[in-house]
Amino acid sequence: MIQSVNSGDAMYSALQGMQKAMKQADAAAKAVAKGEIEAKQIVELQLAKQNVQMQTKNVQAAMETGQQILDILA
């Protein structure tokens, strides 16, 4: 079954992923602030950073797709 691709859905999904990554980073940063400096927190911060970067690219792609749709319809 083929499903349609909606740039709004892609944007929503990317923003949800970004929000999740920010919560992940916040939790790790709070642990570090409490003095819990362990490899786990460093890894969590790095993963959160990479997730935000990836979701930023997804937002950009969704915006470009939306613009291309508008250009086609114009």
PDB file of N, CA and C in Angstrom:
ATOM      1  N   MET A   1       0.843  -1.181   0.000  1.00  0.00           N
ATOM      2  CA  MET A   1       0.000   0.000   0.000  1.00  0.00           C
ATOM      3  C   MET A   1       0.891   1.247   0.000  1.00  0.00           C
ATOM      4  N   ILE A   2       0.633   2.142  -0.902  1.00  0.00           N
ATOM      5  CA  ILE A   2       1.411   3.380  -1.003  1.00  0.00           C
ATOM      6  C   ILE A   2       0.711   4.469  -0.201  1.00  0.00           C
ATOM      7  N   GLN A   3       1.457   5.118   0.654  1.00  0.00           N
ATOM      8  CA  GLN A   3       0.913   6.217   1.450  1.00  0.00           C
ATOM      9  C   GLN A   3       1.445   7.527   0.912  1.00  0.00           C
ATOM     10  N   SER A   4       0.628   8.552   0.992  1.00  0.00           N
ATOM     11  CA  SER A   4       1.083   9.860   0.538  1.00  0.00           C
ATOM     12  C   SER A   4       2.045  10.451   1.559  1.00  0.00           C
ATOM     13  N   VAL A   5       2.963  11.261   1.067  1.00  0.00           N
ATOM     14  CA  VAL A   5       3.926  11.935   1.928  1.00  0.00           C
ATOM     15  C   VAL A   5       3.446  13.362   2.122  1.00  0.00           C
ATOM     16  N   ASN A   6       3.320  13.762   3.355  1.00  0.00           N
ATOM     17  CA  ASN A   6       2.848  15.102   3.691  1.00  0.00           C
ATOM     18  C   ASN A   6       3.984  15.837   4.383  1.00  0.00           C
ATOM     19  N   SER A   7       4.408  16.957   3.820  1.00  0.00           N
ATOM     20  CA  SER A   7       5.528  17.684   4.420  1.00  0.00           C
ATOM     21  C   SER A   7       5.190  18.191   5.812  1.00  0.00           C
ATOM     22  N   GLY A   8       3.906  18.438   6.087  1.00  0.00           N
ATOM     23  CA  GLY A   8       3.489  18.846   7.424  1.00  0.00           C
ATOM     24  C   GLY A   8       3.712  17.734   8.437  1.00  0.00           C
ATOM     25  N   ASP A   9       3.411  16.495   8.023  1.00  0.00           N
ATOM     26  CA  ASP A   9       3.653  15.351   8.897  1.00  0.00           C
ATOM     27  C   ASP A   9       5.146  15.169   9.148  1.00  0.00           C
ATOM     28  N   ALA A  10       5.934  15.365   8.103  1.00  0.00           N
ATOM     29  CA  ALA A  10       7.385  15.233   8.238  1.00  0.00           C
ATOM     30  C   ALA A  10       7.923  16.297   9.197  1.00  0.00           C
ATOM     31  N   MET A  11       7.404  17.504   9.073  1.00  0.00           N
ATOM     32  CA  MET A  11       7.827  18.595   9.954  1.00  0.00           C
ATOM     33  C   MET A  11       7.458  18.277  11.402  1.00  0.00           C
ATOM     34  N   TYR A  12       6.232  17.820  11.604  1.00  0.00           N
ATOM     35  CA  TYR A  12       5.764  17.482  12.947  1.00  0.00           C
ATOM     36  C   TYR A  12       6.638  16.392  13.558  1.00  0.00           C
ATOM     37  N   SER A  13       6.938  15.368  12.769  1.00  0.00           N
ATOM     38  CA  SER A  13       7.761  14.263  13.246  1.00  0.00           C
ATOM     39  C   SER A  13       9.170  14.744  13.606  1.00  0.00           C
ATOM     40  N   ALA A  14       9.738  15.590  12.761  1.00  0.00           N
ATOM     41  CA  ALA A  14      11.080  16.122  13.026  1.00  0.00           C
ATOM     42  C   ALA A  14      11.091  16.970  14.289  1.00  0.00           C
ATOM     43  N   LEU A  15      10.064  17.786  14.463  1.00  0.00           N
ATOM     44  CA  LEU A  15      10.000  18.629  15.658  1.00  0.00           C
ATOM     45  C   LEU A  15       9.815  17.792  16.918  1.00  0.00           C
ATOM     46  N   GLN A  16       9.044  16.710  16.820  1.00  0.00           N
ATOM     47  CA  GLN A  16       8.906  15.806  17.964  1.00  0.00           C
ATOM     48  C   GLN A  16      10.251  15.165  18.305  1.00  0.00           C
ATOM     49  N   GLY A  17      10.984  14.744  17.272  1.00  0.00           N
ATOM     50  CA  GLY A  17      12.307  14.156  17.494  1.00  0.00           C
ATOM     51  C   GLY A  17      13.259  15.136  18.127  1.00  0.00           C
ATOM     52  N   MET A  18      13.179  16.386  17.693  1.00  0.00           N
ATOM     53  CA  MET A  18      14.041  17.424  18.257  1.00  0.00           C
ATOM     54  C   MET A  18      13.693  17.667  19.729  1.00  0.00           C
ATOM     55  N   GLN A  19      12.407  17.693  20.027  1.00  0.00           N
ATOM     56  CA  GLN A  19      11.974  17.896  21.408  1.00  0.00           C
ATOM     57  C   GLN A  19      12.454  16.744  22.298  1.00  0.00           C
ATOM     58  N   LYS A  20      12.377  15.523  21.790  1.00  0.00           N
ATOM     59  CA  LYS A  20      12.837  14.359  22.542  1.00  0.00           C
ATOM     60  C   LYS A  20      14.341  14.461  22.803  1.00  0.00           C
ATOM     61  N   ALA A  21      15.103  14.871  21.790  1.00  0.00           N
ATOM     62  CA  ALA A  21      16.551  15.010  21.944  1.00  0.00           C
ATOM     63  C   ALA A  21      16.890  16.093  22.959  1.00  0.00           C
ATOM     64  N   MET A  22      16.139  17.174  22.953  1.00  0.00           N
ATOM     65  CA  MET A  22      16.397  18.256  23.910  1.00  0.00           C
ATOM     66  C   MET A  22      16.117  17.784  25.344  1.00  0.00           C
ATOM     67  N   LYS A  23      15.080  16.978  25.521  1.00  0.00           N
ATOM     68  CA  LYS A  23      14.793  16.425  26.856  1.00  0.00           C
ATOM     69  C   LYS A  23      15.911  15.487  27.294  1.00  0.00           C
ATOM     70  N   GLN A  24      16.433  14.710  26.336  1.00  0.00           N
ATOM     71  CA  GLN A  24      17.540  13.799  26.614  1.00  0.00           C
ATOM     72  C   GLN A  24      18.771  14.592  27.055  1.00  0.00           C
ATOM     73  N   ALA A  25      19.059  15.663  26.347  1.00  0.00           N
ATOM     74  CA  ALA A  25      20.206  16.503  26.690  1.00  0.00           C
ATOM     75  C   ALA A  25      20.013  17.169  28.045  1.00  0.00           C
ATOM     76  N   ASP A  26      18.800  17.622  28.308  1.00  0.00           N
ATOM     77  CA  ASP A  26      18.505  18.275  29.581  1.00  0.00           C
ATOM     78  C   ASP A  26      18.712  17.323  30.756  1.00  0.00           C
ATOM     79  N   ALA A  27      18.238  16.094  30.604  1.00  0.00           N
ATOM     80  CA  ALA A  27      18.396  15.109  31.687  1.00  0.00           C
ATOM     81  C   ALA A  27      19.871  14.808  31.939  1.00  0.00           C
ATOM     82  N   ALA A  28      20.635  14.645  30.873  1.00  0.00           N
ATOM     83  CA  ALA A  28      22.066  14.368  31.030  1.00  0.00           C
ATOM     84  C   ALA A  28      22.791  15.560  31.631  1.00  0.00           C
ATOM     85  N   ALA A  29      22.436  16.766  31.205  1.00  0.00           N
ATOM     86  CA  ALA A  29      23.077  17.974  31.732  1.00  0.00           C
ATOM     87  C   ALA A  29      22.773  18.147  33.221  1.00  0.00           C
ATOM     88  N   LYS A  30      21.552  17.842  33.614  1.00  0.00           N
ATOM     89  CA  LYS A  30      21.193  17.936  35.041  1.00  0.00           C
ATOM     90  C   LYS A  30      21.994  16.947  35.867  1.00  0.00           C
ATOM     91  N   ALA A  31      22.197  15.747  35.328  1.00  0.00           N
ATOM     92  CA  ALA A  31      22.990  14.743  36.044  1.00  0.00           C
ATOM     93  C   ALA A  31      24.432  15.216  36.201  1.00  0.00           C
ATOM     94  N   VAL A  32      24.984  15.791  35.146  1.00  0.00           N
ATOM     95  CA  VAL A  32      26.358  16.319  35.213  1.00  0.00           C
ATOM     96  C   VAL A  32      26.430  17.461  36.220  1.00  0.00           C
ATOM     97  N   ALA A  33      25.410  18.322  36.221  1.00  0.00           N
ATOM     98  CA  ALA A  33      25.387  19.447  37.162  1.00  0.00           C
ATOM     99  C   ALA A  33      25.348  18.972  38.609  1.00  0.00           C
ATOM    100  N   LYS A  34      24.775  17.794  38.839  1.00  0.00           N
ATOM    101  CA  LYS A  34      24.728  17.225  40.186  1.00  0.00           C
ATOM    102  C   LYS A  34      26.038  16.529  40.562  1.00  0.00           C
ATOM    103  N   GLY A  35      26.987  16.507  39.617  1.00  0.00           N
ATOM    104  CA  GLY A  35      28.268  15.878  39.890  1.00  0.00           C
ATOM    105  C   GLY A  35      28.362  14.453  39.389  1.00  0.00           C
ATOM    106  N   GLU A  36      27.339  13.989  38.694  1.00  0.00           N
ATOM    107  CA  GLU A  36      27.332  12.628  38.155  1.00  0.00           C
ATOM    108  C   GLU A  36      28.019  12.622  36.785  1.00  0.00           C
ATOM    109  N   ILE A  37      29.309  12.815  36.802  1.00  0.00           N
ATOM    110  CA  ILE A  37      30.062  12.874  35.546  1.00  0.00           C
ATOM    111  C   ILE A  37      30.567  11.462  35.239  1.00  0.00           C
ATOM    112  N   GLU A  38      29.786  10.779  34.420  1.00  0.00           N
ATOM    113  CA  GLU A  38      30.119   9.420  34.019  1.00  0.00           C
ATOM    114  C   GLU A  38      30.036   9.325  32.500  1.00  0.00           C
ATOM    115  N   ALA A  39      30.562   8.248  31.981  1.00  0.00           N
ATOM    116  CA  ALA A  39      30.545   8.049  30.527  1.00  0.00           C
ATOM    117  C   ALA A  39      29.110   8.082  29.993  1.00  0.00           C
ATOM    118  N   LYS A  40      28.171   7.561  30.765  1.00  0.00           N
ATOM    119  CA  LYS A  40      26.769   7.508  30.315  1.00  0.00           C
ATOM    120  C   LYS A  40      26.254   8.916  29.993  1.00  0.00           C
ATOM    121  N   GLN A  41      26.515   9.879  30.851  1.00  0.00           N
ATOM    122  CA  GLN A  41      26.031  11.242  30.633  1.00  0.00           C
ATOM    123  C   GLN A  41      26.702  11.876  29.411  1.00  0.00           C
ATOM    124  N   ILE A  42      27.984  11.622  29.242  1.00  0.00           N
ATOM    125  CA  ILE A  42      28.706  12.171  28.091  1.00  0.00           C
ATOM    126  C   ILE A  42      28.143  11.586  26.799  1.00  0.00           C
ATOM    127  N   VAL A  43      27.890  10.280  26.812  1.00  0.00           N
ATOM    128  CA  VAL A  43      27.314   9.619  25.637  1.00  0.00           C
ATOM    129  C   VAL A  43      25.920  10.168  25.359  1.00  0.00           C
ATOM    130  N   GLU A  44      25.109  10.342  26.396  1.00  0.00           N
ATOM    131  CA  GLU A  44      23.750  10.867  26.228  1.00  0.00           C
ATOM    132  C   GLU A  44      23.779  12.279  25.632  1.00  0.00           C
ATOM    133  N   LEU A  45      24.694  13.105  26.096  1.00  0.00           N
ATOM    134  CA  LEU A  45      24.817  14.456  25.547  1.00  0.00           C
ATOM    135  C   LEU A  45      25.224  14.426  24.077  1.00  0.00           C
ATOM    136  N   GLN A  46      26.159  13.554  23.737  1.00  0.00           N
ATOM    137  CA  GLN A  46      26.602  13.447  22.344  1.00  0.00           C
ATOM    138  C   GLN A  46      25.476  12.914  21.457  1.00  0.00           C
ATOM    139  N   LEU A  47      24.749  11.921  21.941  1.00  0.00           N
ATOM    140  CA  LEU A  47      23.621  11.391  21.171  1.00  0.00           C
ATOM    141  C   LEU A  47      22.547  12.454  20.966  1.00  0.00           C
ATOM    142  N   ALA A  48      22.277  13.211  22.005  1.00  0.00           N
ATOM    143  CA  ALA A  48      21.272  14.273  21.901  1.00  0.00           C
ATOM    144  C   ALA A  48      21.711  15.314  20.872  1.00  0.00           C
ATOM    145  N   LYS A  49      22.983  15.667  20.895  1.00  0.00           N
ATOM    146  CA  LYS A  49      23.519  16.629  19.926  1.00  0.00           C
ATOM    147  C   LYS A  49      23.328  16.118  18.503  1.00  0.00           C
ATOM    148  N   GLN A  50      23.681  14.864  18.279  1.00  0.00           N
ATOM    149  CA  GLN A  50      23.539  14.279  16.945  1.00  0.00           C
ATOM    150  C   GLN A  50      22.072  14.195  16.525  1.00  0.00           C
ATOM    151  N   ASN A  51      21.199  13.871  17.466  1.00  0.00           N
ATOM    152  CA  ASN A  51      19.773  13.792  17.159  1.00  0.00           C
ATOM    153  C   ASN A  51      19.216  15.157  16.771  1.00  0.00           C
ATOM    154  N   VAL A  52      19.624  16.190  17.474  1.00  0.00           N
ATOM    155  CA  VAL A  52      19.160  17.548  17.130  1.00  0.00           C
ATOM    156  C   VAL A  52      19.662  17.927  15.741  1.00  0.00           C
ATOM    157  N   GLN A  53      20.922  17.616  15.446  1.00  0.00           N
ATOM    158  CA  GLN A  53      21.460  17.916  14.119  1.00  0.00           C
ATOM    159  C   GLN A  53      20.688  17.172  13.034  1.00  0.00           C
ATOM    160  N   MET A  54      20.389  15.908  13.270  1.00  0.00           N
ATOM    161  CA  MET A  54      19.654  15.108  12.304  1.00  0.00           C
ATOM    162  C   MET A  54      18.235  15.651  12.108  1.00  0.00           C
ATOM    163  N   GLN A  55      17.572  15.990  13.199  1.00  0.00           N
ATOM    164  CA  GLN A  55      16.204  16.501  13.097  1.00  0.00           C
ATOM    165  C   GLN A  55      16.176  17.875  12.438  1.00  0.00           C
ATOM    166  N   THR A  56      17.228  18.653  12.633  1.00  0.00           N
ATOM    167  CA  THR A  56      17.322  19.946  11.953  1.00  0.00           C
ATOM    168  C   THR A  56      17.360  19.737  10.440  1.00  0.00           C
ATOM    169  N   LYS A  57      18.103  18.739   9.999  1.00  0.00           N
ATOM    170  CA  LYS A  57      18.148  18.423   8.569  1.00  0.00           C
ATOM    171  C   LYS A  57      16.783  17.942   8.083  1.00  0.00           C
ATOM    172  N   ASN A  58      16.075  17.193   8.917  1.00  0.00           N
ATOM    173  CA  ASN A  58      14.734  16.732   8.545  1.00  0.00           C
ATOM    174  C   ASN A  58      13.767  17.904   8.410  1.00  0.00           C
ATOM    175  N   VAL A  59      13.867  18.886   9.304  1.00  0.00           N
ATOM    176  CA  VAL A  59      13.021  20.080   9.216  1.00  0.00           C
ATOM    177  C   VAL A  59      13.332  20.825   7.915  1.00  0.00           C
ATOM    178  N   GLN A  60      14.612  20.973   7.611  1.00  0.00           N
ATOM    179  CA  GLN A  60      15.000  21.661   6.379  1.00  0.00           C
ATOM    180  C   GLN A  60      14.454  20.931   5.153  1.00  0.00           C
ATOM    181  N   ALA A  61      14.533  19.611   5.143  1.00  0.00           N
ATOM    182  CA  ALA A  61      14.031  18.823   4.018  1.00  0.00           C
ATOM    183  C   ALA A  61      12.516  18.973   3.886  1.00  0.00           C
ATOM    184  N   ALA A  62      11.808  18.984   5.009  1.00  0.00           N
ATOM    185  CA  ALA A  62      10.353  19.156   4.970  1.00  0.00           C
ATOM    186  C   ALA A  62       9.984  20.530   4.438  1.00  0.00           C
ATOM    187  N   MET A  63      10.741  21.541   4.840  1.00  0.00           N
ATOM    188  CA  MET A  63      10.481  22.895   4.341  1.00  0.00           C
ATOM    189  C   MET A  63      10.737  22.983   2.841  1.00  0.00           C
ATOM    190  N   GLU A  64      11.818  22.353   2.387  1.00  0.00           N
ATOM    191  CA  GLU A  64      12.134  22.362   0.957  1.00  0.00           C
ATOM    192  C   GLU A  64      11.055  21.627   0.162  1.00  0.00           C
ATOM    193  N   THR A  65      10.579  20.519   0.703  1.00  0.00           N
ATOM    194  CA  THR A  65       9.525  19.764   0.033  1.00  0.00           C
ATOM    195  C   THR A  65       8.256  20.598  -0.054  1.00  0.00           C
ATOM    196  N   GLY A  66       7.922  21.264   1.028  1.00  0.00           N
ATOM    197  CA  GLY A  66       6.741  22.145   1.025  1.00  0.00           C
ATOM    198  C   GLY A  66       6.872  23.246  -0.005  1.00  0.00           C
ATOM    199  N   GLN A  67       8.058  23.815  -0.105  1.00  0.00           N
ATOM    200  CA  GLN A  67       8.296  24.877  -1.086  1.00  0.00           C
ATOM    201  C   GLN A  67       8.185  24.334  -2.513  1.00  0.00           C
ATOM    202  N   GLN A  68       8.718  23.131  -2.732  1.00  0.00           N
ATOM    203  CA  GLN A  68       8.629  22.530  -4.063  1.00  0.00           C
ATOM    204  C   GLN A  68       7.170  22.262  -4.444  1.00  0.00           C
ATOM    205  N   ILE A  69       6.373  21.836  -3.494  1.00  0.00           N
ATOM    206  CA  ILE A  69       4.945  21.611  -3.752  1.00  0.00           C
ATOM    207  C   ILE A  69       4.271  22.913  -4.124  1.00  0.00           C
ATOM    208  N   LEU A  70       4.585  23.973  -3.375  1.00  0.00           N
ATOM    209  CA  LEU A  70       4.000  25.287  -3.696  1.00  0.00           C
ATOM    210  C   LEU A  70       4.435  25.754  -5.083  1.00  0.00           C
ATOM    211  N   ASP A  71       5.698  25.521  -5.432  1.00  0.00           N
ATOM    212  CA  ASP A  71       6.198  25.919  -6.751  1.00  0.00           C
ATOM    213  C   ASP A  71       5.472  25.159  -7.862  1.00  0.00           C
ATOM    214  N   ILE A  72       5.214  23.885  -7.634  1.00  0.00           N
ATOM    215  CA  ILE A  72       4.518  23.073  -8.637  1.00  0.00           C
ATOM    216  C   ILE A  72       3.081  23.573  -8.815  1.00  0.00           C
ATOM    217  N   LEU A  73       2.445  23.926  -7.697  1.00  0.00           N
ATOM    218  CA  LEU A  73       1.052  24.377  -7.752  1.00  0.00           C
ATOM    219  C   LEU A  73       0.901  25.788  -8.277  1.00  0.00           C
ATOM    220  N   ALA A  74       1.990  26.562  -8.283  1.00  0.00           N
ATOM    221  CA  ALA A  74       1.915  27.963  -8.716  1.00  0.00           C
ATOM    222  C   ALA A  74       1.837  28.098 -10.226  1.00  0.00           C
TER     223      ALA A  74
END
